[in-house]
Amino acid sequence: MTTPTGTGTDSTHRPIWQRAALWTGGFVALLYGIEFADVVLPADLDAAGVEPRTGDGLWGILFAPILHADWAHLTANTVPALVLGFLVMLSGIGRGIAATAIIWLVGGIGTWLFAGSGENHIGASTLIFGWLTYLIVRGIFTRKAGQILLGVVVLFLYGGMLWGVLPSEPWISWQGHLFGALGGILAAWILSSAARATRRTTTVPPLR
């Protein structure tokens, strides 16, 4: 069955800001659902975080960003996740998901390789730091004025968070912050490849 163009209810017909809000809000709702399950179930879901250089800890690369130590941990991450996640998705859902996947993997693998032994790293802050650096540097790679301006605004509003990539309190995963931030820079570079290629073809004179 098909519907005439523009009259269907498919989510692709929604404005991009609505789709970005739905994806970001849905992800944060998932985080709250998982934390609720962690509270009411006898199983210790938080144990599925990144445990550096252990076999079981590899699963944490997949699960750590959706786990939180308690409600205070989750609520501290909620507003930055909603704001920065929305801004990342606003440039396109597919591109936003790709950036998030790169940040997710780089943050988890880096933490697994280099964090201290005997630790358990959890929390969406890995993604938050990645989204932050992605938004800040993306315009540098694409050289698009709008993205540069957005990066400046994000840096002004949230730049102070970047101190979190440095060692601090022992219960804060600064390694997750650091490698999440590096993942954001890598994601911005990878996903700007088309813009950089276009710029090269328009600036390099043809061979004669």
Protein backbone atom coordinates (compact mmCIF):
# COMPACT_ATOMS: atom_id res chain seq x y z
CA MET A 1 0.00 0.00 0.00
CA THR A 2 1.28 3.48 -0.84
CA THR A 3 0.18 6.98 0.05
CA PRO A 4 0.52 10.19 -1.98
CA THR A 5 3.68 12.15 -1.42
CA GLY A 6 3.38 14.52 1.53
CA THR A 7 0.24 12.92 2.98
CA GLY A 8 1.71 9.88 4.69
CA THR A 9 2.65 9.56 8.33
CA ASP A 10 6.13 8.14 7.75
CA SER A 11 8.70 9.70 10.08
CA THR A 12 10.81 10.76 7.09
CA HIS A 13 8.15 13.38 6.33
CA ARG A 14 8.70 15.06 9.67
CA PRO A 15 10.92 18.18 9.81
CA ILE A 16 14.50 17.32 10.70
CA TRP A 17 14.26 19.08 14.07
CA GLN A 18 11.33 16.84 15.05
CA ARG A 19 13.17 13.68 14.03
CA ALA A 20 16.29 14.85 15.86
CA ALA A 21 14.22 15.52 18.98
CA LEU A 22 12.53 12.11 18.76
CA TRP A 23 15.82 10.23 18.38
CA THR A 24 17.53 12.13 21.17
CA GLY A 25 14.55 12.01 23.51
CA GLY A 26 14.11 8.32 22.78
CA PHE A 27 17.73 7.60 23.64
CA VAL A 28 17.52 9.49 26.94
CA ALA A 29 14.24 7.72 27.74
CA LEU A 30 16.07 4.44 27.14
CA LEU A 31 18.73 5.48 29.65
CA TYR A 32 16.04 6.11 32.27
CA GLY A 33 14.36 2.80 31.50
CA ILE A 34 17.64 0.94 31.95
CA GLU A 35 18.39 2.71 35.22
CA PHE A 36 14.91 1.84 36.48
CA ALA A 37 15.50 -1.79 35.53
CA ASP A 38 18.85 -1.71 37.33
CA VAL A 39 17.08 -0.50 40.49
CA VAL A 40 14.22 -3.02 40.51
CA LEU A 41 15.96 -6.13 39.16
CA PRO A 42 18.20 -8.30 41.31
CA ALA A 43 20.88 -8.35 38.61
CA ASP A 44 23.66 -5.76 38.80
CA LEU A 45 23.48 -4.25 35.33
CA ASP A 46 26.26 -1.77 36.13
CA ALA A 47 28.71 -4.66 36.23
CA ALA A 48 28.52 -4.76 32.42
CA GLY A 49 30.69 -1.65 32.08
CA VAL A 50 34.16 -1.40 30.57
CA GLU A 51 36.68 -3.32 32.67
CA PRO A 52 40.06 -2.54 31.10
CA ARG A 53 41.96 -5.41 29.51
CA THR A 54 39.60 -8.16 30.62
CA GLY A 55 37.60 -10.45 28.38
CA ASP A 56 34.29 -9.73 30.09
CA GLY A 57 35.12 -6.02 30.03
CA LEU A 58 34.96 -6.04 26.24
CA TRP A 59 31.18 -6.24 26.48
CA GLY A 60 31.32 -2.89 28.22
CA ILE A 61 32.36 -1.28 24.96
CA LEU A 62 28.78 -1.93 23.83
CA PHE A 63 26.92 -1.41 27.10
CA ALA A 64 28.83 1.14 29.20
CA PRO A 65 27.31 4.33 27.67
CA ILE A 66 23.77 3.25 28.58
CA LEU A 67 24.57 2.36 32.21
CA HIS A 68 24.78 4.73 35.19
CA ALA A 69 25.85 4.31 38.78
CA ASP A 70 22.69 5.90 40.22
CA TRP A 71 19.97 8.44 39.50
CA ALA A 72 22.25 11.36 40.35
CA HIS A 73 24.77 10.16 37.77
CA LEU A 74 22.05 9.85 35.14
CA THR A 75 20.39 13.19 35.87
CA ALA A 76 23.77 14.95 35.66
CA ASN A 77 24.14 13.60 32.12
CA THR A 78 20.56 14.24 31.02
CA VAL A 79 20.59 17.89 29.94
CA PRO A 80 23.96 17.74 28.09
CA ALA A 81 22.83 14.54 26.36
CA LEU A 82 19.56 16.12 25.25
CA VAL A 83 21.15 19.35 24.01
CA LEU A 84 24.29 18.01 22.37
CA GLY A 85 22.64 14.86 21.04
CA PHE A 86 19.90 16.95 19.46
CA LEU A 87 22.42 19.27 17.80
CA VAL A 88 24.37 16.32 16.40
CA MET A 89 21.20 14.71 14.99
CA LEU A 90 20.04 18.03 13.57
CA SER A 91 22.55 17.77 10.71
CA GLY A 92 20.95 14.50 9.58
CA ILE A 93 19.83 11.36 11.39
CA GLY A 94 22.10 9.01 9.46
CA ARG A 95 25.11 11.26 9.91
CA GLY A 96 24.30 11.71 13.60
CA ILE A 97 24.03 7.97 14.15
CA ALA A 98 27.31 7.42 12.32
CA ALA A 99 29.07 10.03 14.46
CA THR A 100 27.62 8.48 17.61
CA ALA A 101 28.76 5.00 16.56
CA ILE A 102 32.32 6.21 15.98
CA ILE A 103 32.38 7.99 19.35
CA TRP A 104 30.87 4.94 21.07
CA LEU A 105 33.53 2.58 19.70
CA VAL A 106 36.55 4.86 20.06
CA GLY A 107 35.54 5.85 23.60
CA GLY A 108 34.97 2.26 24.67
CA ILE A 109 38.02 0.73 23.01
CA GLY A 110 40.31 3.52 24.21
CA THR A 111 39.06 3.14 27.78
CA TRP A 112 39.42 -0.65 27.63
CA LEU A 113 43.01 -0.35 26.40
CA PHE A 114 44.36 2.46 28.56
CA ALA A 115 42.30 2.90 31.75
CA GLY A 116 43.48 1.49 35.05
CA SER A 117 43.06 -2.18 35.87
CA GLY A 118 40.36 -3.21 38.30
CA GLU A 119 38.05 -0.33 37.33
CA ASN A 120 34.53 -0.36 35.92
CA HIS A 121 33.67 2.50 33.55
CA ILE A 122 30.03 3.38 32.82
CA GLY A 123 28.01 6.41 31.78
CA ALA A 124 26.79 8.38 28.77
CA SER A 125 29.43 11.04 29.41
CA THR A 126 31.67 9.26 26.89
CA LEU A 127 29.10 10.10 24.22
CA ILE A 128 28.53 13.59 25.59
CA PHE A 129 32.20 14.50 25.36
CA GLY A 130 32.32 13.04 21.86
CA TRP A 131 29.27 14.99 20.72
CA LEU A 132 30.82 18.11 22.23
CA THR A 133 34.12 17.89 20.34
CA TYR A 134 32.32 16.76 17.18
CA LEU A 135 30.21 19.91 17.17
CA ILE A 136 33.17 22.16 18.02
CA VAL A 137 35.56 20.93 15.30
CA ARG A 138 33.19 19.84 12.54
CA GLY A 139 33.07 23.29 10.96
CA ILE A 140 36.87 23.45 10.89
CA PHE A 141 36.91 20.41 8.60
CA THR A 142 33.92 21.32 6.44
CA ARG A 143 34.56 25.09 6.45
CA LYS A 144 30.84 25.73 6.53
CA ALA A 145 30.00 29.03 8.20
CA GLY A 146 26.91 27.73 9.98
CA GLN A 147 28.77 24.79 11.50
CA ILE A 148 31.66 27.00 12.54
CA LEU A 149 29.24 29.40 14.24
CA LEU A 150 27.47 26.54 16.00
CA GLY A 151 30.83 25.19 17.14
CA VAL A 152 31.72 28.56 18.66
CA VAL A 153 28.38 28.72 20.49
CA VAL A 154 28.76 25.16 21.79
CA LEU A 155 32.32 25.91 22.89
CA PHE A 156 31.11 28.99 24.75
CA LEU A 157 28.27 27.13 26.49
CA TYR A 158 29.91 23.79 27.20
CA GLY A 159 33.64 24.30 26.66
CA GLY A 160 34.30 24.21 30.40
CA MET A 161 33.39 20.52 30.35
CA LEU A 162 36.58 19.78 28.43
CA TRP A 163 38.54 19.99 31.68
CA GLY A 164 36.92 16.63 32.35
CA VAL A 165 39.37 14.90 30.01
CA LEU A 166 42.10 15.43 32.62
CA PRO A 167 42.64 13.16 35.66
CA SER A 168 40.50 14.20 38.59
CA GLU A 169 38.49 12.35 41.22
CA PRO A 170 39.05 8.58 41.20
CA TRP A 171 35.33 7.88 40.68
CA ILE A 172 35.17 9.95 37.48
CA SER A 173 36.08 8.17 34.24
CA TRP A 174 38.31 10.84 32.75
CA GLN A 175 39.60 8.18 30.35
CA GLY A 176 36.07 7.72 29.00
CA HIS A 177 35.81 11.49 28.63
CA LEU A 178 39.17 11.71 26.87
CA PHE A 179 38.63 8.92 24.38
CA GLY A 180 35.04 9.98 23.78
CA ALA A 181 36.34 13.45 22.92
CA LEU A 182 38.96 11.96 20.60
CA GLY A 183 36.22 9.88 19.00
CA GLY A 184 34.24 13.05 18.34
CA ILE A 185 37.18 14.64 16.55
CA LEU A 186 37.71 11.47 14.50
CA ALA A 187 34.01 11.33 13.63
CA ALA A 188 34.05 14.95 12.48
CA TRP A 189 37.07 14.27 10.27
CA ILE A 190 35.67 11.06 8.76
CA LEU A 191 32.20 12.46 8.11
CA SER A 192 33.58 15.63 6.53
CA SER A 193 35.46 13.68 3.86
CA ALA A 194 32.95 14.55 1.11
CA ALA A 195 33.15 18.27 1.92
CA ARG A 196 36.94 18.14 1.96
CA ALA A 197 37.04 16.27 -1.34
CA THR A 198 34.69 18.79 -2.94
CA ARG A 199 36.85 21.63 -1.69
CA ARG A 200 39.96 20.06 -3.20
CA THR A 201 38.33 19.62 -6.60
CA THR A 202 37.17 23.24 -6.66
CA THR A 203 40.43 24.77 -5.49
CA VAL A 204 43.01 22.75 -7.42
CA PRO A 205 43.33 24.01 -11.03
CA PRO A 206 42.94 21.33 -13.74
CA LEU A 207 46.09 19.89 -15.27
CA ARG A 208 46.92 21.10 -18.76
